[in-house]
Amino acid sequence: MSTLLLRLAAPLQAWGINSKFDIRKTEREPSKSGVVGLLAAALGRRRDESLDDLTALTFGVRSDKEGELLKDFHMVLKDKKTSYVTTRYYLADAIFLVGLESRDETFLNMLDQALQAPVFPLFLGRRSCPPTFPLSLGIRKMDLLTALKEEPWQVSQWEQERIRRKKDSYTMRIVTDAIEQEEFPVYQKDLAKSFNPMFRKYGYRMVKEHKPFQITFSGQTTGSDQITIKDSEELFHTEHDPMKELR
């Protein structure tokens, strides 16, 4: 069993699963349908192509930084004489670790390569939310839950210091597909069946929120769950050129 890990971080993200029309909400963490859409775009799939192999991946999210809920005001011009107000919600400055588990490591490798050289532009829920890098963290030869628990905290060193000054500890949530039948199942309607704009279709999946674990900034953790804290400057060092896309 292997797991492909993604780091989803950006100034803004939006992961709505049940909002339409004039009010567009967002969930607390990335939706499976949103991440499947990102993978499909990276592979260059058209909206009417099958998603079965992508939705079959076991999906999980760790909230490394919850972010803040942002409400945005929009004035939409319907025609030359008519306009109306819409409200859209975003997560600002959030960071998530997403895992995709499969027995087919060749398929995970294909996804990893596609994310590094995508066919279509990638965004985190909405077109106005392009991701920051690194996006793909590569493949771990372990199951989903173990990979999510053992991967180092994906918050930059200066951000860790900022959080330390405000808190003695930090709690992270993990939400995954529920592999086994739960006593009190929670269903979420974000299993993408089709992205065809003429016939969008979503199904339900069963989700499980696991016991949260707490980081203490002395380098220890409380409880039985463990997470690594280490200097992440090396992880996030890039030859940054902010004007690259305009050259």
Protein backbone atom coordinates (compact mmCIF):
# COMPACT_ATOMS: atom_id res chain seq x y z
CA MET A 1 0.00 0.00 0.00
CA SER A 2 1.36 3.42 -0.98
CA THR A 3 0.21 7.00 -0.43
CA LEU A 4 0.74 10.09 -2.57
CA LEU A 5 0.99 13.22 -0.43
CA LEU A 6 -0.03 16.70 -1.54
CA ARG A 7 0.55 20.00 0.21
CA LEU A 8 -2.41 22.31 -0.46
CA ALA A 9 -1.52 25.86 0.52
CA ALA A 10 -2.42 29.24 -0.94
CA PRO A 11 -3.47 32.75 0.10
CA LEU A 12 -7.06 31.63 -0.57
CA GLN A 13 -8.80 28.25 -0.89
CA ALA A 14 -12.49 27.36 -1.26
CA TRP A 15 -13.96 23.87 -0.92
CA GLY A 16 -17.72 24.08 -1.28
CA ILE A 17 -19.77 20.89 -1.55
CA ASN A 18 -23.40 21.95 -1.23
CA SER A 19 -23.64 25.67 -2.03
CA LYS A 20 -25.16 27.10 -5.19
CA PHE A 21 -26.46 30.33 -6.64
CA ASP A 22 -25.70 33.57 -4.74
CA ILE A 23 -24.03 32.20 -1.58
CA ARG A 24 -20.93 30.06 -2.06
CA LYS A 25 -19.66 28.44 1.13
CA THR A 26 -16.50 26.51 1.92
CA GLU A 27 -15.82 23.48 4.09
CA ARG A 28 -13.13 23.45 6.79
CA GLU A 29 -10.85 21.20 4.73
CA PRO A 30 -10.43 20.16 1.06
CA SER A 31 -13.23 18.09 -0.42
CA LYS A 32 -12.58 14.84 -2.23
CA SER A 33 -14.43 16.11 -5.32
CA GLY A 34 -12.25 19.23 -5.37
CA VAL A 35 -9.01 17.25 -5.17
CA VAL A 36 -10.27 14.79 -7.81
CA GLY A 37 -10.95 17.80 -10.03
CA LEU A 38 -7.40 19.05 -9.46
CA LEU A 39 -5.98 15.64 -10.40
CA ALA A 40 -8.18 15.41 -13.50
CA ALA A 41 -6.97 18.85 -14.63
CA ALA A 42 -3.34 17.83 -14.11
CA LEU A 43 -3.92 14.71 -16.23
CA GLY A 44 -5.62 16.75 -18.97
CA ARG A 45 -8.97 15.00 -18.72
CA ARG A 46 -12.01 16.62 -20.25
CA ARG A 47 -15.06 17.29 -18.13
CA ASP A 48 -17.04 14.43 -19.67
CA GLU A 49 -14.34 11.79 -19.11
CA SER A 50 -14.56 9.06 -16.47
CA LEU A 51 -13.40 9.77 -12.91
CA ASP A 52 -13.78 6.24 -11.57
CA ASP A 53 -10.05 5.55 -11.09
CA LEU A 54 -9.58 8.85 -9.23
CA THR A 55 -12.60 8.52 -6.93
CA ALA A 56 -11.48 4.96 -6.08
CA LEU A 57 -8.40 6.37 -4.30
CA THR A 58 -8.68 6.39 -0.51
CA PHE A 59 -8.64 10.05 0.52
CA GLY A 60 -7.56 11.81 3.70
CA VAL A 61 -6.71 15.31 4.94
CA ARG A 62 -4.61 16.64 7.80
CA SER A 63 -5.22 20.27 8.76
CA ASP A 64 -1.73 21.63 9.35
CA LYS A 65 -3.06 25.19 9.53
CA GLU A 66 -6.81 25.77 9.69
CA GLY A 67 -6.74 29.24 8.17
CA GLU A 68 -9.31 31.97 8.69
CA LEU A 69 -12.77 32.21 7.17
CA LEU A 70 -12.99 35.13 4.77
CA LYS A 71 -16.24 36.58 3.44
CA ASP A 72 -15.98 38.25 0.04
CA PHE A 73 -18.53 40.61 -1.47
CA HIS A 74 -19.26 40.35 -5.24
CA MET A 75 -21.35 42.53 -7.48
CA VAL A 76 -22.27 40.55 -10.60
CA LEU A 77 -23.40 42.29 -13.77
CA LYS A 78 -26.13 40.21 -15.39
CA ASP A 79 -26.72 42.55 -18.32
CA LYS A 80 -26.34 46.27 -19.08
CA LYS A 81 -29.21 47.18 -16.75
CA THR A 82 -29.23 44.44 -14.13
CA SER A 83 -26.74 43.55 -11.39
CA TYR A 84 -26.98 41.55 -8.17
CA VAL A 85 -24.93 40.79 -5.07
CA THR A 86 -23.30 37.43 -4.36
CA THR A 87 -21.41 36.28 -1.26
CA ARG A 88 -18.43 33.94 -1.40
CA TYR A 89 -16.48 32.41 1.46
CA TYR A 90 -12.82 31.43 1.41
CA LEU A 91 -10.20 29.95 3.72
CA ALA A 92 -7.33 32.42 4.03
CA ASP A 93 -3.72 31.24 4.65
CA ALA A 94 -4.68 27.61 5.26
CA ILE A 95 -2.33 24.65 4.80
CA PHE A 96 -3.48 21.06 4.34
CA LEU A 97 -1.70 17.76 3.91
CA VAL A 98 -3.74 15.52 1.60
CA GLY A 99 -3.12 11.80 1.15
CA LEU A 100 -4.27 9.54 -1.69
CA GLU A 101 -3.83 5.83 -1.01
CA SER A 102 -3.72 3.03 -3.59
CA ARG A 103 -2.23 -0.40 -4.15
CA ASP A 104 -1.31 0.72 -7.68
CA GLU A 105 1.94 2.65 -7.20
CA THR A 106 2.34 3.06 -10.97
CA PHE A 107 -0.89 5.06 -11.04
CA LEU A 108 0.26 7.18 -8.10
CA ASN A 109 3.54 7.86 -9.93
CA MET A 110 1.57 9.02 -12.97
CA LEU A 111 -0.42 11.41 -10.78
CA ASP A 112 2.77 12.69 -9.14
CA GLN A 113 4.32 13.45 -12.54
CA ALA A 114 1.12 15.09 -13.81
CA LEU A 115 1.02 17.43 -10.81
CA GLN A 116 4.57 18.52 -11.56
CA ALA A 117 3.75 19.23 -15.22
CA PRO A 118 -0.04 19.71 -15.42
CA VAL A 119 -1.93 19.88 -18.71
CA PHE A 120 -4.48 22.42 -17.45
CA PRO A 121 -4.01 25.14 -14.79
CA LEU A 122 -4.51 23.99 -11.22
CA PHE A 123 -6.42 25.78 -8.48
CA LEU A 124 -7.69 25.00 -5.00
CA GLY A 125 -11.45 24.92 -5.33
CA ARG A 126 -11.96 28.06 -7.46
CA ARG A 127 -10.14 29.65 -10.38
CA SER A 128 -9.11 32.56 -8.18
CA CYS A 129 -7.16 30.20 -5.86
CA PRO A 130 -3.91 29.01 -7.51
CA PRO A 131 -1.72 26.80 -5.27
CA THR A 132 1.69 27.62 -3.90
CA PHE A 133 4.59 25.18 -4.22
CA PRO A 134 5.57 22.50 -3.46
CA LEU A 135 2.27 20.87 -4.43
CA SER A 136 3.20 17.19 -4.64
CA LEU A 137 5.41 15.83 -1.84
CA GLY A 138 5.87 12.44 -3.49
CA ILE A 139 4.93 8.87 -2.61
CA ARG A 140 5.29 7.22 0.78
CA LYS A 141 5.36 3.42 0.97
CA MET A 142 2.85 3.21 3.80
CA ASP A 143 -0.88 3.35 4.38
CA LEU A 144 -2.82 6.62 4.35
CA LEU A 145 -3.28 7.15 8.08
CA THR A 146 0.35 6.35 8.90
CA ALA A 147 1.55 8.73 6.17
CA LEU A 148 -0.65 11.55 7.46
CA LYS A 149 0.59 11.05 11.02
CA GLU A 150 4.30 10.72 10.24
CA GLU A 151 4.81 13.49 7.66
CA PRO A 152 6.53 16.59 9.09
CA TRP A 153 4.41 19.63 9.87
CA GLN A 154 3.95 21.60 6.64
CA VAL A 155 4.12 25.06 8.19
CA SER A 156 7.18 27.18 7.38
CA GLN A 157 9.69 27.91 10.11
CA TRP A 158 8.80 31.58 10.51
CA GLU A 159 5.10 30.65 10.74
CA GLN A 160 5.89 28.04 13.37
CA GLU A 161 7.62 30.75 15.39
CA ARG A 162 4.61 33.04 15.02
CA ILE A 163 2.27 30.29 16.27
CA ARG A 164 4.64 29.49 19.16
CA ARG A 165 4.46 33.07 20.38
CA LYS A 166 0.66 32.82 20.65
CA LYS A 167 0.17 29.22 21.80
CA ASP A 168 1.87 26.55 23.90
CA SER A 169 0.54 23.80 21.66
CA TYR A 170 -1.26 23.24 18.38
CA THR A 171 -3.96 20.68 17.55
CA MET A 172 -4.40 19.16 14.09
CA ARG A 173 -7.41 17.27 12.76
CA ILE A 174 -7.34 14.27 10.41
CA VAL A 175 -10.38 13.41 8.29
CA THR A 176 -10.37 10.40 5.95
CA ASP A 177 -12.65 8.17 3.95
CA ALA A 178 -14.24 5.73 6.38
CA ILE A 179 -12.95 2.34 5.27
CA GLU A 180 -15.03 0.35 7.74
CA GLN A 181 -18.69 0.77 8.66
CA GLU A 182 -18.95 3.25 11.52
CA GLU A 183 -21.42 2.99 14.38
CA PHE A 184 -22.68 6.51 13.67
CA PRO A 185 -21.68 7.11 10.04
CA VAL A 186 -21.20 10.61 8.66
CA TYR A 187 -21.97 11.05 4.98
CA GLN A 188 -20.68 13.86 2.81
CA LYS A 189 -21.86 14.63 -0.71
CA ASP A 190 -18.55 15.24 -2.43
CA LEU A 191 -17.91 12.06 -4.39
CA ALA A 192 -17.57 13.30 -7.96
CA LYS A 193 -19.36 11.21 -10.57
CA SER A 194 -19.21 13.66 -13.48
CA PHE A 195 -17.92 17.20 -14.05
CA ASN A 196 -19.85 17.56 -17.28
CA PRO A 197 -21.31 21.11 -17.05
CA MET A 198 -24.54 19.84 -18.63
CA PHE A 199 -24.86 16.99 -16.12
CA ARG A 200 -22.81 17.47 -12.96
CA LYS A 201 -23.29 14.55 -10.62
CA TYR A 202 -22.07 13.88 -7.09
CA GLY A 203 -22.56 10.96 -4.75
CA TYR A 204 -22.13 10.43 -1.03
CA ARG A 205 -19.07 9.06 0.73
CA MET A 206 -18.67 8.03 4.34
CA VAL A 207 -16.08 10.06 6.26
CA LYS A 208 -14.37 9.66 9.62
CA GLU A 209 -12.72 12.31 11.78
CA HIS A 210 -9.94 10.67 13.73
CA LYS A 211 -8.75 11.49 17.22
CA PRO A 212 -6.91 14.82 16.99
CA PHE A 213 -3.36 15.06 18.24
CA GLN A 214 -1.57 17.95 19.81
CA ILE A 215 1.88 19.36 19.13
CA THR A 216 3.71 20.90 22.04
CA PHE A 217 6.45 23.29 21.02
CA SER A 218 9.04 21.70 23.25
CA GLY A 219 9.28 19.08 20.51
CA GLN A 220 7.10 16.53 22.33
CA THR A 221 3.51 15.48 21.64
CA THR A 222 0.71 14.64 24.02
CA GLY A 223 -1.24 11.43 23.81
CA SER A 224 -0.32 8.43 21.69
CA ASP A 225 -0.22 10.17 18.32
CA GLN A 226 3.06 11.57 17.06
CA ILE A 227 4.00 14.25 14.57
CA THR A 228 7.45 15.47 13.58
CA ILE A 229 8.44 19.09 14.09
CA LYS A 230 11.65 20.11 12.37
CA ASP A 231 13.22 23.05 10.63
CA SER A 232 11.33 23.36 7.34
CA GLU A 233 13.42 26.10 5.69
CA GLU A 234 15.09 23.46 3.54
CA LEU A 235 11.72 22.01 2.48
CA PHE A 236 10.44 25.36 1.24
CA HIS A 237 13.57 26.84 -0.33
CA THR A 238 13.01 27.69 -4.00
CA GLU A 239 14.63 29.95 -6.57
CA HIS A 240 11.67 32.27 -6.48
CA ASP A 241 11.02 34.61 -9.41
CA PRO A 242 7.71 36.45 -8.83
CA MET A 243 7.71 37.84 -12.37
CA LYS A 244 8.41 34.57 -14.14
CA GLU A 245 4.94 34.24 -15.68
CA LEU A 246 5.16 37.75 -17.14
CA ARG A 247 8.52 37.35 -18.88
